[in-house]
């Protein structure tokens, strides 16, 4: 079953109720999600070889539990499935992804749509904003790739220092 199949067979009212129960803090973005839901029905679906997976991740404490949305592709060189972040993938490709059997068993159709909408809009509520973010990432990556070893060393910090900065909020 493809993501577009779920979107075509469900209505926004049902999706929005599920969305708000899963992501209560997103109530302020409800109109944006509705607009995207409607626009997905008008997009031309692009077939994808990527398998769409949603997996519950349970952490030590309940408030850290979350659902991970990702794509799986088989890598013939590594001879294994490789997990990919799909937040930046064009929406027409999301629509053409086959939903994994485990995902279909573990989540309702409305939950799958809701998780996908949340993930699809993680970097913006339009594909233009997402492409702008992708372009900035690419520019930063190119900038890092062009640094000399001395520049790289000067601009790097250890993960411990990075986490300490995050904890301090600076």
C-alpha atoms as a PDB file:
ATOM      1  CA  UNK A   1       0.000   0.000   0.000  1.00  0.00           C
ATOM      2  CA  UNK A   2       1.307   3.458  -0.946  1.00  0.00           C
ATOM      3  CA  UNK A   3       1.015   6.582   1.193  1.00  0.00           C
ATOM      4  CA  UNK A   4      -1.217   8.203  -1.442  1.00  0.00           C
ATOM      5  CA  UNK A   5      -3.686   5.309  -1.031  1.00  0.00           C
ATOM      6  CA  UNK A   6      -4.132   6.163   2.646  1.00  0.00           C
ATOM      7  CA  UNK A   7      -4.513   9.860   1.937  1.00  0.00           C
ATOM      8  CA  UNK A   8      -7.147   9.230  -0.743  1.00  0.00           C
ATOM      9  CA  UNK A   9      -9.245   6.994   1.517  1.00  0.00           C
ATOM     10  CA  UNK A  10      -9.281   9.238   4.595  1.00  0.00           C
ATOM     11  CA  UNK A  11     -10.705  12.691   5.247  1.00  0.00           C
ATOM     12  CA  UNK A  12      -9.049  15.708   6.804  1.00  0.00           C
ATOM     13  CA  UNK A  13     -11.423  15.871   9.780  1.00  0.00           C
ATOM     14  CA  UNK A  14     -10.403  12.370  10.930  1.00  0.00           C
ATOM     15  CA  UNK A  15      -6.734  13.022  10.227  1.00  0.00           C
ATOM     16  CA  UNK A  16      -6.785  16.320  12.130  1.00  0.00           C
ATOM     17  CA  UNK A  17      -8.308  14.686  15.229  1.00  0.00           C
ATOM     18  CA  UNK A  18      -5.602  12.024  15.215  1.00  0.00           C
ATOM     19  CA  UNK A  19      -2.904  14.582  14.464  1.00  0.00           C
ATOM     20  CA  UNK A  20      -3.923  16.724  17.427  1.00  0.00           C
ATOM     21  CA  UNK A  21      -4.013  13.717  19.756  1.00  0.00           C
ATOM     22  CA  UNK A  22      -0.486  12.699  18.664  1.00  0.00           C
ATOM     23  CA  UNK A  23       0.953  16.216  18.466  1.00  0.00           C
ATOM     24  CA  UNK A  24      -1.118  18.533  20.709  1.00  0.00           C
ATOM     25  CA  UNK A  25       1.425  21.350  20.417  1.00  0.00           C
ATOM     26  CA  UNK A  26       0.792  21.444  16.654  1.00  0.00           C
ATOM     27  CA  UNK A  27      -2.749  22.844  17.032  1.00  0.00           C
ATOM     28  CA  UNK A  28      -1.385  26.237  15.951  1.00  0.00           C
ATOM     29  CA  UNK A  29      -0.374  24.687  12.603  1.00  0.00           C
ATOM     30  CA  UNK A  30      -3.645  22.867  11.917  1.00  0.00           C
ATOM     31  CA  UNK A  31      -4.586  25.089   8.931  1.00  0.00           C
ATOM     32  CA  UNK A  32      -1.138  24.527   7.413  1.00  0.00           C
ATOM     33  CA  UNK A  33      -1.471  20.768   7.745  1.00  0.00           C
ATOM     34  CA  UNK A  34      -4.948  20.896   6.218  1.00  0.00           C
ATOM     35  CA  UNK A  35      -3.654  22.858   3.235  1.00  0.00           C
ATOM     36  CA  UNK A  36      -0.845  20.356   2.694  1.00  0.00           C
ATOM     37  CA  UNK A  37      -3.179  17.365   3.082  1.00  0.00           C
ATOM     38  CA  UNK A  38      -5.436  18.806   0.369  1.00  0.00           C
ATOM     39  CA  UNK A  39      -2.528  19.662  -1.919  1.00  0.00           C
ATOM     40  CA  UNK A  40      -1.112  16.123  -1.681  1.00  0.00           C
ATOM     41  CA  UNK A  41      -4.245  14.831  -3.385  1.00  0.00           C
ATOM     42  CA  UNK A  42      -3.424  17.015  -6.404  1.00  0.00           C
ATOM     43  CA  UNK A  43       0.241  16.054  -6.795  1.00  0.00           C
ATOM     44  CA  UNK A  44       1.454  13.634  -9.427  1.00  0.00           C
ATOM     45  CA  UNK A  45       2.752  10.592  -7.578  1.00  0.00           C
ATOM     46  CA  UNK A  46       6.366   9.667  -8.246  1.00  0.00           C
ATOM     47  CA  UNK A  47       7.202   6.003  -7.667  1.00  0.00           C
ATOM     48  CA  UNK A  48       9.843   5.425  -5.007  1.00  0.00           C
ATOM     49  CA  UNK A  49      11.904   2.326  -4.256  1.00  0.00           C
ATOM     50  CA  UNK A  50      12.128   3.476  -0.660  1.00  0.00           C
ATOM     51  CA  UNK A  51      10.039   1.674   1.931  1.00  0.00           C
ATOM     52  CA  UNK A  52       8.218   3.989   4.371  1.00  0.00           C
ATOM     53  CA  UNK A  53       8.663   2.900   7.988  1.00  0.00           C
ATOM     54  CA  UNK A  54       7.312   4.247  11.274  1.00  0.00           C
ATOM     55  CA  UNK A  55       8.749   2.742  14.412  1.00  0.00           C
ATOM     56  CA  UNK A  56       8.028   3.430  18.068  1.00  0.00           C
ATOM     57  CA  UNK A  57      11.237   4.202  19.942  1.00  0.00           C
ATOM     58  CA  UNK A  58      11.057   3.659  23.662  1.00  0.00           C
ATOM     59  CA  UNK A  59      13.569   5.508  25.793  1.00  0.00           C
ATOM     60  CA  UNK A  60      14.349   5.091  29.485  1.00  0.00           C
ATOM     61  CA  UNK A  61      11.722   7.608  30.515  1.00  0.00           C
ATOM     62  CA  UNK A  62       8.208   7.771  29.070  1.00  0.00           C
ATOM     63  CA  UNK A  63       8.444  11.452  28.113  1.00  0.00           C
ATOM     64  CA  UNK A  64      11.335  10.642  25.766  1.00  0.00           C
ATOM     65  CA  UNK A  65       9.415   8.023  23.741  1.00  0.00           C
ATOM     66  CA  UNK A  66       8.740   8.944  20.120  1.00  0.00           C
ATOM     67  CA  UNK A  67       7.883   7.548  16.717  1.00  0.00           C
ATOM     68  CA  UNK A  68      10.666   7.520  14.149  1.00  0.00           C
ATOM     69  CA  UNK A  69       9.660   7.994  10.500  1.00  0.00           C
ATOM     70  CA  UNK A  70      12.262   6.923   7.958  1.00  0.00           C
ATOM     71  CA  UNK A  71      12.882   5.302   4.617  1.00  0.00           C
ATOM     72  CA  UNK A  72      14.543   1.948   3.956  1.00  0.00           C
ATOM     73  CA  UNK A  73      16.457   1.124   0.784  1.00  0.00           C
ATOM     74  CA  UNK A  74      18.279  -2.071  -0.030  1.00  0.00           C
ATOM     75  CA  UNK A  75      21.970  -1.469  -0.745  1.00  0.00           C
ATOM     76  CA  UNK A  76      23.271  -4.242  -3.015  1.00  0.00           C
ATOM     77  CA  UNK A  77      26.906  -3.394  -2.224  1.00  0.00           C
ATOM     78  CA  UNK A  78      26.418  -3.623   1.540  1.00  0.00           C
ATOM     79  CA  UNK A  79      23.774  -6.332   1.041  1.00  0.00           C
ATOM     80  CA  UNK A  80      21.541  -4.805   3.663  1.00  0.00           C
ATOM     81  CA  UNK A  81      18.701  -2.357   4.211  1.00  0.00           C
ATOM     82  CA  UNK A  82      19.895   1.173   4.926  1.00  0.00           C
ATOM     83  CA  UNK A  83      17.849   3.636   6.949  1.00  0.00           C
ATOM     84  CA  UNK A  84      17.406   7.179   5.540  1.00  0.00           C
ATOM     85  CA  UNK A  85      15.976  10.399   6.900  1.00  0.00           C
ATOM     86  CA  UNK A  86      13.243  11.456   4.485  1.00  0.00           C
ATOM     87  CA  UNK A  87      12.257  14.899   5.760  1.00  0.00           C
ATOM     88  CA  UNK A  88      13.786  16.609   2.726  1.00  0.00           C
ATOM     89  CA  UNK A  89      12.381  14.268   0.064  1.00  0.00           C
ATOM     90  CA  UNK A  90       9.871  15.873  -2.345  1.00  0.00           C
ATOM     91  CA  UNK A  91       6.280  15.211  -1.362  1.00  0.00           C
ATOM     92  CA  UNK A  92       5.443  13.528  -4.681  1.00  0.00           C
ATOM     93  CA  UNK A  93       8.030  10.859  -3.776  1.00  0.00           C
ATOM     94  CA  UNK A  94       6.565  10.411  -0.280  1.00  0.00           C
ATOM     95  CA  UNK A  95       3.235   9.653  -1.939  1.00  0.00           C
ATOM     96  CA  UNK A  96       4.827   6.910  -4.046  1.00  0.00           C
ATOM     97  CA  UNK A  97       6.473   5.107  -1.113  1.00  0.00           C
ATOM     98  CA  UNK A  98       5.212   1.685  -0.115  1.00  0.00           C
ATOM     99  CA  UNK A  99       4.352   1.516   3.578  1.00  0.00           C
ATOM    100  CA  UNK A 100       6.075  -1.324   5.414  1.00  0.00           C
ATOM    101  CA  UNK A 101       3.925  -4.219   6.598  1.00  0.00           C
ATOM    102  CA  UNK A 102       5.125  -3.719  10.190  1.00  0.00           C
ATOM    103  CA  UNK A 103       4.033  -0.083  10.051  1.00  0.00           C
ATOM    104  CA  UNK A 104       0.606  -1.048   8.721  1.00  0.00           C
ATOM    105  CA  UNK A 105       0.218  -3.566  11.563  1.00  0.00           C
ATOM    106  CA  UNK A 106       1.417  -1.268  14.360  1.00  0.00           C
ATOM    107  CA  UNK A 107      -0.264   2.018  13.374  1.00  0.00           C
ATOM    108  CA  UNK A 108      -3.725   3.002  12.191  1.00  0.00           C
ATOM    109  CA  UNK A 109      -4.094   4.645   8.775  1.00  0.00           C
ATOM    110  CA  UNK A 110      -4.809   7.969  10.481  1.00  0.00           C
ATOM    111  CA  UNK A 111      -1.698   7.661  12.658  1.00  0.00           C
ATOM    112  CA  UNK A 112       0.452   6.884   9.614  1.00  0.00           C
ATOM    113  CA  UNK A 113      -0.862   9.923   7.739  1.00  0.00           C
ATOM    114  CA  UNK A 114      -0.398  12.128  10.813  1.00  0.00           C
ATOM    115  CA  UNK A 115       3.182  11.001  11.429  1.00  0.00           C
ATOM    116  CA  UNK A 116       4.010  11.500   7.755  1.00  0.00           C
ATOM    117  CA  UNK A 117       2.503  15.006   7.659  1.00  0.00           C
ATOM    118  CA  UNK A 118       4.479  15.949  10.750  1.00  0.00           C
ATOM    119  CA  UNK A 119       7.718  14.591   9.290  1.00  0.00           C
ATOM    120  CA  UNK A 120       7.110  16.057   5.813  1.00  0.00           C
ATOM    121  CA  UNK A 121       6.769  19.535   7.301  1.00  0.00           C
ATOM    122  CA  UNK A 122       9.633  19.291   9.788  1.00  0.00           C
ATOM    123  CA  UNK A 123      11.669  21.890   7.876  1.00  0.00           C
ATOM    124  CA  UNK A 124       8.770  23.964   6.553  1.00  0.00           C
ATOM    125  CA  UNK A 125       5.169  24.052   5.425  1.00  0.00           C
ATOM    126  CA  UNK A 126       5.991  24.433   1.751  1.00  0.00           C
ATOM    127  CA  UNK A 127       8.295  22.567  -0.565  1.00  0.00           C
ATOM    128  CA  UNK A 128       9.949  25.885  -1.407  1.00  0.00           C
ATOM    129  CA  UNK A 129      10.932  26.403   2.257  1.00  0.00           C
ATOM    130  CA  UNK A 130      12.198  22.840   2.458  1.00  0.00           C
ATOM    131  CA  UNK A 131      14.246  23.297  -0.742  1.00  0.00           C
ATOM    132  CA  UNK A 132      15.696  26.533   0.689  1.00  0.00           C
ATOM    133  CA  UNK A 133      16.707  24.652   3.831  1.00  0.00           C
ATOM    134  CA  UNK A 134      18.230  21.867   1.685  1.00  0.00           C
ATOM    135  CA  UNK A 135      20.189  24.454  -0.312  1.00  0.00           C
ATOM    136  CA  UNK A 136      21.592  25.972   2.902  1.00  0.00           C
ATOM    137  CA  UNK A 137      22.595  22.501   4.114  1.00  0.00           C
ATOM    138  CA  UNK A 138      24.308  21.790   0.802  1.00  0.00           C
ATOM    139  CA  UNK A 139      26.168  25.127   0.955  1.00  0.00           C
ATOM    140  CA  UNK A 140      27.340  24.424   4.517  1.00  0.00           C
ATOM    141  CA  UNK A 141      28.429  20.933   3.512  1.00  0.00           C
ATOM    142  CA  UNK A 142      30.367  22.333   0.548  1.00  0.00           C
ATOM    143  CA  UNK A 143      31.964  24.941   2.801  1.00  0.00           C
ATOM    144  CA  UNK A 144      33.109  22.230   5.216  1.00  0.00           C
ATOM    145  CA  UNK A 145      34.373  20.023   2.367  1.00  0.00           C
ATOM    146  CA  UNK A 146      36.468  22.919   1.081  1.00  0.00           C
ATOM    147  CA  UNK A 147      38.132  23.629   4.444  1.00  0.00           C
ATOM    148  CA  UNK A 148      41.782  22.863   4.928  1.00  0.00           C
ATOM    149  CA  UNK A 149      42.699  20.391   7.683  1.00  0.00           C
ATOM    150  CA  UNK A 150      43.775  23.367   9.831  1.00  0.00           C
ATOM    151  CA  UNK A 151      40.418  25.124   9.342  1.00  0.00           C
ATOM    152  CA  UNK A 152      38.553  21.923  10.136  1.00  0.00           C
ATOM    153  CA  UNK A 153      40.484  21.433  13.359  1.00  0.00           C
ATOM    154  CA  UNK A 154      39.913  25.073  14.353  1.00  0.00           C
ATOM    155  CA  UNK A 155      36.143  24.812  13.758  1.00  0.00           C
ATOM    156  CA  UNK A 156      35.527  21.420  15.376  1.00  0.00           C
ATOM    157  CA  UNK A 157      34.490  20.754  18.945  1.00  0.00           C
ATOM    158  CA  UNK A 158      34.110  17.472  20.767  1.00  0.00           C
ATOM    159  CA  UNK A 159      30.684  15.946  21.227  1.00  0.00           C
ATOM    160  CA  UNK A 160      31.069  16.445  24.986  1.00  0.00           C
ATOM    161  CA  UNK A 161      31.617  20.200  24.540  1.00  0.00           C
ATOM    162  CA  UNK A 162      28.751  20.383  22.060  1.00  0.00           C
ATOM    163  CA  UNK A 163      26.364  18.626  24.469  1.00  0.00           C
ATOM    164  CA  UNK A 164      27.542  20.844  27.324  1.00  0.00           C
ATOM    165  CA  UNK A 165      26.755  23.924  25.211  1.00  0.00           C
ATOM    166  CA  UNK A 166      23.304  22.522  24.449  1.00  0.00           C
ATOM    167  CA  UNK A 167      22.629  21.925  28.131  1.00  0.00           C
ATOM    168  CA  UNK A 168      23.702  25.491  28.951  1.00  0.00           C
ATOM    169  CA  UNK A 169      21.485  26.828  26.188  1.00  0.00           C
ATOM    170  CA  UNK A 170      24.263  28.717  24.438  1.00  0.00           C
END
